[in-house]
């Protein structure tokens, strides 16, 4: 159980069933690009680890995995450098409804050649993020994006100092959170009963799960 207190007004609990085996579900190319977050690139290789699946409500399933998408570039081997298209955790929630408009929340200027972007009324959010519209619709993202939710996206970004991408595609909500460290790996030669270690994992999990619930509770369609 995750007891959630992440800045949102409601305090809730979520039950997430953790599979005991390592599953590379997200290492598949179509899983990654179905998020619509990243441009397709065939010169990359995928590796997934620490797969988790479960639910946060009876009709809302969730799955996530640590994912490494690395560029395959022979030049980098000479310099002993590794460049990544993505390294972090990729979350996916299956929701009991379909979004009437598909869109992406991404770091400001992450893409610059798209035809349509949506600007919110939240000035702090607009300084750090942009919203890329994927489908034409009479609706706009304000149906889902409460001021509270936008504020907490900004707070999480500032606290973690990681890039965040969110995609709202049909009945799926994805969150891609970049990391530069190995996640969910226990210490072997020292105690794992440390507040800072536990809080790191709690912080990583609590944000997207609470975000999913905020969308469920505040949708206006």
C-alpha atoms as a PDB file:
ATOM      1  CA  UNK A   1       0.000   0.000   0.000  1.00  0.00           C
ATOM      2  CA  UNK A   2       1.116   3.541  -0.732  1.00  0.00           C
ATOM      3  CA  UNK A   3      -0.213   6.165   1.657  1.00  0.00           C
ATOM      4  CA  UNK A   4      -0.272   9.308  -0.430  1.00  0.00           C
ATOM      5  CA  UNK A   5       0.470  12.803   0.784  1.00  0.00           C
ATOM      6  CA  UNK A   6       2.090  14.544  -2.167  1.00  0.00           C
ATOM      7  CA  UNK A   7       0.650  18.038  -2.134  1.00  0.00           C
ATOM      8  CA  UNK A   8      -2.718  17.135  -3.583  1.00  0.00           C
ATOM      9  CA  UNK A   9      -5.719  18.017  -1.451  1.00  0.00           C
ATOM     10  CA  UNK A  10      -6.911  14.445  -0.929  1.00  0.00           C
ATOM     11  CA  UNK A  11      -5.094  11.745   1.044  1.00  0.00           C
ATOM     12  CA  UNK A  12      -5.624   8.286  -0.416  1.00  0.00           C
ATOM     13  CA  UNK A  13      -4.194   4.788  -0.421  1.00  0.00           C
ATOM     14  CA  UNK A  14      -3.357   2.773  -3.493  1.00  0.00           C
ATOM     15  CA  UNK A  15      -2.765  -0.947  -3.702  1.00  0.00           C
ATOM     16  CA  UNK A  16      -0.166  -2.043  -6.234  1.00  0.00           C
ATOM     17  CA  UNK A  17       0.651  -5.705  -6.711  1.00  0.00           C
ATOM     18  CA  UNK A  18       4.362  -6.260  -7.340  1.00  0.00           C
ATOM     19  CA  UNK A  19       5.392  -9.212  -9.480  1.00  0.00           C
ATOM     20  CA  UNK A  20       8.239 -11.244  -8.073  1.00  0.00           C
ATOM     21  CA  UNK A  21      10.010 -11.866 -11.385  1.00  0.00           C
ATOM     22  CA  UNK A  22      11.911  -9.499 -13.646  1.00  0.00           C
ATOM     23  CA  UNK A  23       9.815  -8.718 -16.705  1.00  0.00           C
ATOM     24  CA  UNK A  24      11.029  -6.822 -19.762  1.00  0.00           C
ATOM     25  CA  UNK A  25       7.551  -5.801 -20.860  1.00  0.00           C
ATOM     26  CA  UNK A  26       8.550  -2.229 -21.606  1.00  0.00           C
ATOM     27  CA  UNK A  27      11.632  -3.199 -23.548  1.00  0.00           C
ATOM     28  CA  UNK A  28       9.437  -3.780 -26.594  1.00  0.00           C
ATOM     29  CA  UNK A  29       9.638  -1.006 -29.174  1.00  0.00           C
ATOM     30  CA  UNK A  30       5.887  -0.619 -29.731  1.00  0.00           C
ATOM     31  CA  UNK A  31       5.257  -0.221 -25.990  1.00  0.00           C
ATOM     32  CA  UNK A  32       7.718   2.645 -25.844  1.00  0.00           C
ATOM     33  CA  UNK A  33       6.534   4.538 -28.917  1.00  0.00           C
ATOM     34  CA  UNK A  34       2.830   4.055 -28.178  1.00  0.00           C
ATOM     35  CA  UNK A  35       3.289   6.794 -25.600  1.00  0.00           C
ATOM     36  CA  UNK A  36       3.728   9.278 -28.505  1.00  0.00           C
ATOM     37  CA  UNK A  37       6.306  11.051 -26.332  1.00  0.00           C
ATOM     38  CA  UNK A  38       9.460  10.175 -28.263  1.00  0.00           C
ATOM     39  CA  UNK A  39      10.152  10.312 -31.978  1.00  0.00           C
ATOM     40  CA  UNK A  40      10.766   6.916 -33.523  1.00  0.00           C
ATOM     41  CA  UNK A  41      14.434   6.045 -33.853  1.00  0.00           C
ATOM     42  CA  UNK A  42      15.647   2.676 -35.124  1.00  0.00           C
ATOM     43  CA  UNK A  43      19.216   3.238 -33.935  1.00  0.00           C
ATOM     44  CA  UNK A  44      18.473   2.466 -30.308  1.00  0.00           C
ATOM     45  CA  UNK A  45      18.370  -0.612 -28.120  1.00  0.00           C
ATOM     46  CA  UNK A  46      15.962  -1.320 -25.276  1.00  0.00           C
ATOM     47  CA  UNK A  47      16.367  -2.880 -21.856  1.00  0.00           C
ATOM     48  CA  UNK A  48      13.720  -3.163 -19.161  1.00  0.00           C
ATOM     49  CA  UNK A  49      13.965  -4.125 -15.495  1.00  0.00           C
ATOM     50  CA  UNK A  50      11.917  -4.233 -12.272  1.00  0.00           C
ATOM     51  CA  UNK A  51       8.484  -4.564 -13.856  1.00  0.00           C
ATOM     52  CA  UNK A  52       5.509  -3.815 -11.590  1.00  0.00           C
ATOM     53  CA  UNK A  53       1.797  -4.209 -12.316  1.00  0.00           C
ATOM     54  CA  UNK A  54      -1.358  -3.765 -10.321  1.00  0.00           C
ATOM     55  CA  UNK A  55      -4.224  -1.354  -9.869  1.00  0.00           C
ATOM     56  CA  UNK A  56      -4.994   1.892  -8.081  1.00  0.00           C
ATOM     57  CA  UNK A  57      -8.766   1.497  -8.316  1.00  0.00           C
ATOM     58  CA  UNK A  58     -11.006  -1.412  -9.307  1.00  0.00           C
ATOM     59  CA  UNK A  59     -11.195  -0.282 -12.936  1.00  0.00           C
ATOM     60  CA  UNK A  60      -7.792   1.416 -13.236  1.00  0.00           C
ATOM     61  CA  UNK A  61      -4.790  -0.799 -13.924  1.00  0.00           C
ATOM     62  CA  UNK A  62      -1.232   0.442 -13.716  1.00  0.00           C
ATOM     63  CA  UNK A  63       2.136  -0.905 -14.780  1.00  0.00           C
ATOM     64  CA  UNK A  64       5.601   0.532 -14.773  1.00  0.00           C
ATOM     65  CA  UNK A  65       9.176  -0.490 -15.346  1.00  0.00           C
ATOM     66  CA  UNK A  66      12.664   0.868 -15.267  1.00  0.00           C
ATOM     67  CA  UNK A  67      13.596   1.396 -18.901  1.00  0.00           C
ATOM     68  CA  UNK A  68      16.851   2.178 -20.673  1.00  0.00           C
ATOM     69  CA  UNK A  69      16.726   3.228 -24.332  1.00  0.00           C
ATOM     70  CA  UNK A  70      20.293   3.665 -25.516  1.00  0.00           C
ATOM     71  CA  UNK A  71      21.534   5.022 -28.821  1.00  0.00           C
ATOM     72  CA  UNK A  72      23.505   2.493 -30.874  1.00  0.00           C
ATOM     73  CA  UNK A  73      26.410   4.618 -32.075  1.00  0.00           C
ATOM     74  CA  UNK A  74      29.813   3.131 -32.831  1.00  0.00           C
ATOM     75  CA  UNK A  75      31.478   6.530 -32.401  1.00  0.00           C
ATOM     76  CA  UNK A  76      30.427   6.605 -28.752  1.00  0.00           C
ATOM     77  CA  UNK A  77      32.177   3.298 -28.081  1.00  0.00           C
ATOM     78  CA  UNK A  78      35.541   4.896 -28.873  1.00  0.00           C
ATOM     79  CA  UNK A  79      34.865   7.673 -26.378  1.00  0.00           C
ATOM     80  CA  UNK A  80      33.378   5.234 -23.850  1.00  0.00           C
ATOM     81  CA  UNK A  81      30.274   7.399 -23.683  1.00  0.00           C
ATOM     82  CA  UNK A  82      26.671   6.254 -23.549  1.00  0.00           C
ATOM     83  CA  UNK A  83      23.897   8.479 -24.854  1.00  0.00           C
ATOM     84  CA  UNK A  84      20.286   7.785 -24.018  1.00  0.00           C
ATOM     85  CA  UNK A  85      17.007   8.563 -25.670  1.00  0.00           C
ATOM     86  CA  UNK A  86      15.438   7.705 -22.329  1.00  0.00           C
ATOM     87  CA  UNK A  87      16.637   6.347 -18.994  1.00  0.00           C
ATOM     88  CA  UNK A  88      14.203   6.225 -16.097  1.00  0.00           C
ATOM     89  CA  UNK A  89      10.768   4.887 -15.205  1.00  0.00           C
ATOM     90  CA  UNK A  90       7.920   4.575 -17.675  1.00  0.00           C
ATOM     91  CA  UNK A  91       4.428   4.364 -16.161  1.00  0.00           C
ATOM     92  CA  UNK A  92       1.170   3.445 -17.885  1.00  0.00           C
ATOM     93  CA  UNK A  93      -2.350   3.595 -16.497  1.00  0.00           C
ATOM     94  CA  UNK A  94      -5.371   2.106 -18.299  1.00  0.00           C
ATOM     95  CA  UNK A  95      -8.373   4.286 -17.505  1.00  0.00           C
ATOM     96  CA  UNK A  96     -12.120   3.460 -17.703  1.00  0.00           C
ATOM     97  CA  UNK A  97     -12.777   6.240 -20.254  1.00  0.00           C
ATOM     98  CA  UNK A  98     -11.307   7.692 -23.450  1.00  0.00           C
ATOM     99  CA  UNK A  99      -9.760  11.144 -23.528  1.00  0.00           C
ATOM    100  CA  UNK A 100     -11.655  13.341 -26.035  1.00  0.00           C
ATOM    101  CA  UNK A 101      -8.347  14.947 -27.027  1.00  0.00           C
ATOM    102  CA  UNK A 102      -4.853  13.446 -27.165  1.00  0.00           C
ATOM    103  CA  UNK A 103      -1.930  15.564 -25.991  1.00  0.00           C
ATOM    104  CA  UNK A 104       1.566  15.518 -24.462  1.00  0.00           C
ATOM    105  CA  UNK A 105       2.988  17.481 -21.546  1.00  0.00           C
ATOM    106  CA  UNK A 106       6.717  17.881 -22.114  1.00  0.00           C
ATOM    107  CA  UNK A 107       9.641  20.100 -21.039  1.00  0.00           C
ATOM    108  CA  UNK A 108       9.568  23.554 -22.601  1.00  0.00           C
ATOM    109  CA  UNK A 109      11.043  23.578 -26.134  1.00  0.00           C
ATOM    110  CA  UNK A 110      11.443  19.780 -26.125  1.00  0.00           C
ATOM    111  CA  UNK A 111       9.780  19.917 -29.545  1.00  0.00           C
ATOM    112  CA  UNK A 112       9.623  23.089 -31.618  1.00  0.00           C
ATOM    113  CA  UNK A 113       8.313  22.017 -35.018  1.00  0.00           C
ATOM    114  CA  UNK A 114       4.834  20.847 -34.025  1.00  0.00           C
ATOM    115  CA  UNK A 115       1.782  22.604 -35.462  1.00  0.00           C
ATOM    116  CA  UNK A 116      -0.304  23.109 -32.343  1.00  0.00           C
ATOM    117  CA  UNK A 117       0.490  23.784 -28.691  1.00  0.00           C
ATOM    118  CA  UNK A 118      -1.843  24.665 -25.842  1.00  0.00           C
ATOM    119  CA  UNK A 119      -0.966  27.408 -23.341  1.00  0.00           C
ATOM    120  CA  UNK A 120      -2.340  27.164 -19.801  1.00  0.00           C
ATOM    121  CA  UNK A 121      -3.238  29.985 -17.410  1.00  0.00           C
ATOM    122  CA  UNK A 122      -0.537  28.808 -14.997  1.00  0.00           C
ATOM    123  CA  UNK A 123       2.501  31.053 -15.532  1.00  0.00           C
ATOM    124  CA  UNK A 124       4.894  28.907 -13.446  1.00  0.00           C
ATOM    125  CA  UNK A 125       3.914  25.800 -15.386  1.00  0.00           C
ATOM    126  CA  UNK A 126       4.348  27.637 -18.716  1.00  0.00           C
ATOM    127  CA  UNK A 127       7.924  28.572 -17.763  1.00  0.00           C
ATOM    128  CA  UNK A 128       8.933  24.916 -17.539  1.00  0.00           C
ATOM    129  CA  UNK A 129       6.515  22.917 -19.706  1.00  0.00           C
ATOM    130  CA  UNK A 130       4.560  22.988 -22.923  1.00  0.00           C
ATOM    131  CA  UNK A 131       1.514  21.023 -24.091  1.00  0.00           C
ATOM    132  CA  UNK A 132       1.668  19.469 -27.538  1.00  0.00           C
ATOM    133  CA  UNK A 133      -1.744  18.748 -29.099  1.00  0.00           C
ATOM    134  CA  UNK A 134      -1.933  15.517 -31.103  1.00  0.00           C
ATOM    135  CA  UNK A 135      -5.578  15.416 -32.263  1.00  0.00           C
ATOM    136  CA  UNK A 136      -8.081  18.022 -33.387  1.00  0.00           C
ATOM    137  CA  UNK A 137     -11.013  18.324 -31.018  1.00  0.00           C
ATOM    138  CA  UNK A 138     -13.612  20.751 -29.730  1.00  0.00           C
ATOM    139  CA  UNK A 139     -12.155  20.042 -26.278  1.00  0.00           C
ATOM    140  CA  UNK A 140      -8.905  21.286 -24.792  1.00  0.00           C
ATOM    141  CA  UNK A 141      -6.593  19.933 -22.053  1.00  0.00           C
ATOM    142  CA  UNK A 142      -8.115  22.197 -19.381  1.00  0.00           C
ATOM    143  CA  UNK A 143     -10.775  19.490 -18.951  1.00  0.00           C
ATOM    144  CA  UNK A 144      -8.207  17.408 -17.086  1.00  0.00           C
ATOM    145  CA  UNK A 145      -5.491  19.806 -15.970  1.00  0.00           C
ATOM    146  CA  UNK A 146      -6.536  21.453 -12.740  1.00  0.00           C
ATOM    147  CA  UNK A 147      -4.448  24.246 -11.256  1.00  0.00           C
ATOM    148  CA  UNK A 148      -3.579  21.875  -8.404  1.00  0.00           C
ATOM    149  CA  UNK A 149      -2.292  19.248 -10.816  1.00  0.00           C
ATOM    150  CA  UNK A 150      -0.181  21.747 -12.790  1.00  0.00           C
ATOM    151  CA  UNK A 151       1.307  23.140  -9.570  1.00  0.00           C
ATOM    152  CA  UNK A 152       2.314  19.662  -8.437  1.00  0.00           C
ATOM    153  CA  UNK A 153       3.922  18.808 -11.755  1.00  0.00           C
ATOM    154  CA  UNK A 154       6.072  21.920 -11.317  1.00  0.00           C
ATOM    155  CA  UNK A 155       6.867  21.082  -7.673  1.00  0.00           C
ATOM    156  CA  UNK A 156       7.860  17.510  -8.517  1.00  0.00           C
ATOM    157  CA  UNK A 157      10.075  18.737 -11.351  1.00  0.00           C
ATOM    158  CA  UNK A 158      11.823  21.255  -9.110  1.00  0.00           C
ATOM    159  CA  UNK A 159      12.286  18.806  -6.251  1.00  0.00           C
ATOM    160  CA  UNK A 160      13.538  15.887  -8.339  1.00  0.00           C
ATOM    161  CA  UNK A 161      15.386  17.924 -10.981  1.00  0.00           C
ATOM    162  CA  UNK A 162      14.422  15.299 -13.588  1.00  0.00           C
ATOM    163  CA  UNK A 163      12.701  15.758 -16.936  1.00  0.00           C
ATOM    164  CA  UNK A 164       9.050  14.709 -16.950  1.00  0.00           C
ATOM    165  CA  UNK A 165       6.814  13.779 -19.872  1.00  0.00           C
ATOM    166  CA  UNK A 166       3.105  12.939 -19.633  1.00  0.00           C
ATOM    167  CA  UNK A 167       0.957  11.636 -22.469  1.00  0.00           C
ATOM    168  CA  UNK A 168      -2.830  11.422 -22.640  1.00  0.00           C
ATOM    169  CA  UNK A 169      -3.596   8.949 -25.432  1.00  0.00           C
ATOM    170  CA  UNK A 170      -7.089   7.447 -25.887  1.00  0.00           C
ATOM    171  CA  UNK A 171      -7.701   5.512 -22.643  1.00  0.00           C
ATOM    172  CA  UNK A 172      -4.063   5.483 -21.527  1.00  0.00           C
ATOM    173  CA  UNK A 173      -2.088   7.913 -19.423  1.00  0.00           C
ATOM    174  CA  UNK A 174       1.695   7.600 -19.538  1.00  0.00           C
ATOM    175  CA  UNK A 175       4.348   9.203 -17.375  1.00  0.00           C
ATOM    176  CA  UNK A 176       8.022   9.083 -18.372  1.00  0.00           C
ATOM    177  CA  UNK A 177      10.320  10.273 -15.595  1.00  0.00           C
ATOM    178  CA  UNK A 178      14.021  10.498 -16.412  1.00  0.00           C
ATOM    179  CA  UNK A 179      16.582   9.233 -13.889  1.00  0.00           C
ATOM    180  CA  UNK A 180      20.355   8.953 -13.886  1.00  0.00           C
ATOM    181  CA  UNK A 181      20.580   6.159 -11.330  1.00  0.00           C
ATOM    182  CA  UNK A 182      19.658   2.496 -10.938  1.00  0.00           C
ATOM    183  CA  UNK A 183      16.264   2.253  -9.300  1.00  0.00           C
ATOM    184  CA  UNK A 184      14.735  -0.199  -6.819  1.00  0.00           C
ATOM    185  CA  UNK A 185      18.104  -1.853  -6.205  1.00  0.00           C
ATOM    186  CA  UNK A 186      18.641  -2.861  -2.550  1.00  0.00           C
ATOM    187  CA  UNK A 187      21.942  -2.335  -0.766  1.00  0.00           C
ATOM    188  CA  UNK A 188      23.772  -5.619  -0.234  1.00  0.00           C
ATOM    189  CA  UNK A 189      26.438  -4.678   2.305  1.00  0.00           C
ATOM    190  CA  UNK A 190      24.495  -2.085   4.296  1.00  0.00           C
ATOM    191  CA  UNK A 191      21.051  -1.684   5.801  1.00  0.00           C
ATOM    192  CA  UNK A 192      18.074  -0.851   3.602  1.00  0.00           C
ATOM    193  CA  UNK A 193      16.176   0.521   6.611  1.00  0.00           C
ATOM    194  CA  UNK A 194      17.046   4.130   5.863  1.00  0.00           C
ATOM    195  CA  UNK A 195      14.615   6.995   5.497  1.00  0.00           C
ATOM    196  CA  UNK A 196      16.446   8.584   2.570  1.00  0.00           C
ATOM    197  CA  UNK A 197      16.521   5.310   0.614  1.00  0.00           C
ATOM    198  CA  UNK A 198      12.864   4.521   1.260  1.00  0.00           C
ATOM    199  CA  UNK A 199      11.766   8.084   0.516  1.00  0.00           C
ATOM    200  CA  UNK A 200      13.522   8.064  -2.860  1.00  0.00           C
ATOM    201  CA  UNK A 201      11.403   5.118  -4.009  1.00  0.00           C
ATOM    202  CA  UNK A 202       8.274   6.495  -2.365  1.00  0.00           C
ATOM    203  CA  UNK A 203       8.762   9.867  -4.058  1.00  0.00           C
ATOM    204  CA  UNK A 204       9.230   8.237  -7.479  1.00  0.00           C
ATOM    205  CA  UNK A 205       6.079   6.116  -7.121  1.00  0.00           C
ATOM    206  CA  UNK A 206       3.812   8.529  -5.311  1.00  0.00           C
ATOM    207  CA  UNK A 207       3.851  11.323  -7.881  1.00  0.00           C
ATOM    208  CA  UNK A 208       2.519   9.469 -10.955  1.00  0.00           C
ATOM    209  CA  UNK A 209      -0.001   7.409  -8.976  1.00  0.00           C
ATOM    210  CA  UNK A 210      -1.414  10.497  -7.284  1.00  0.00           C
ATOM    211  CA  UNK A 211      -1.453  12.280 -10.634  1.00  0.00           C
ATOM    212  CA  UNK A 212      -3.490   9.453 -12.165  1.00  0.00           C
ATOM    213  CA  UNK A 213      -5.991   9.691  -9.336  1.00  0.00           C
ATOM    214  CA  UNK A 214      -6.229  13.457  -9.669  1.00  0.00           C
ATOM    215  CA  UNK A 215      -7.172  13.036 -13.336  1.00  0.00           C
ATOM    216  CA  UNK A 216      -9.836  10.494 -12.403  1.00  0.00           C
ATOM    217  CA  UNK A 217     -11.345  12.702  -9.741  1.00  0.00           C
ATOM    218  CA  UNK A 218     -11.373  15.962 -11.698  1.00  0.00           C
ATOM    219  CA  UNK A 219     -12.202  15.117 -15.314  1.00  0.00           C
ATOM    220  CA  UNK A 220     -14.946  17.365 -16.721  1.00  0.00           C
ATOM    221  CA  UNK A 221     -16.449  15.371 -19.590  1.00  0.00           C
END
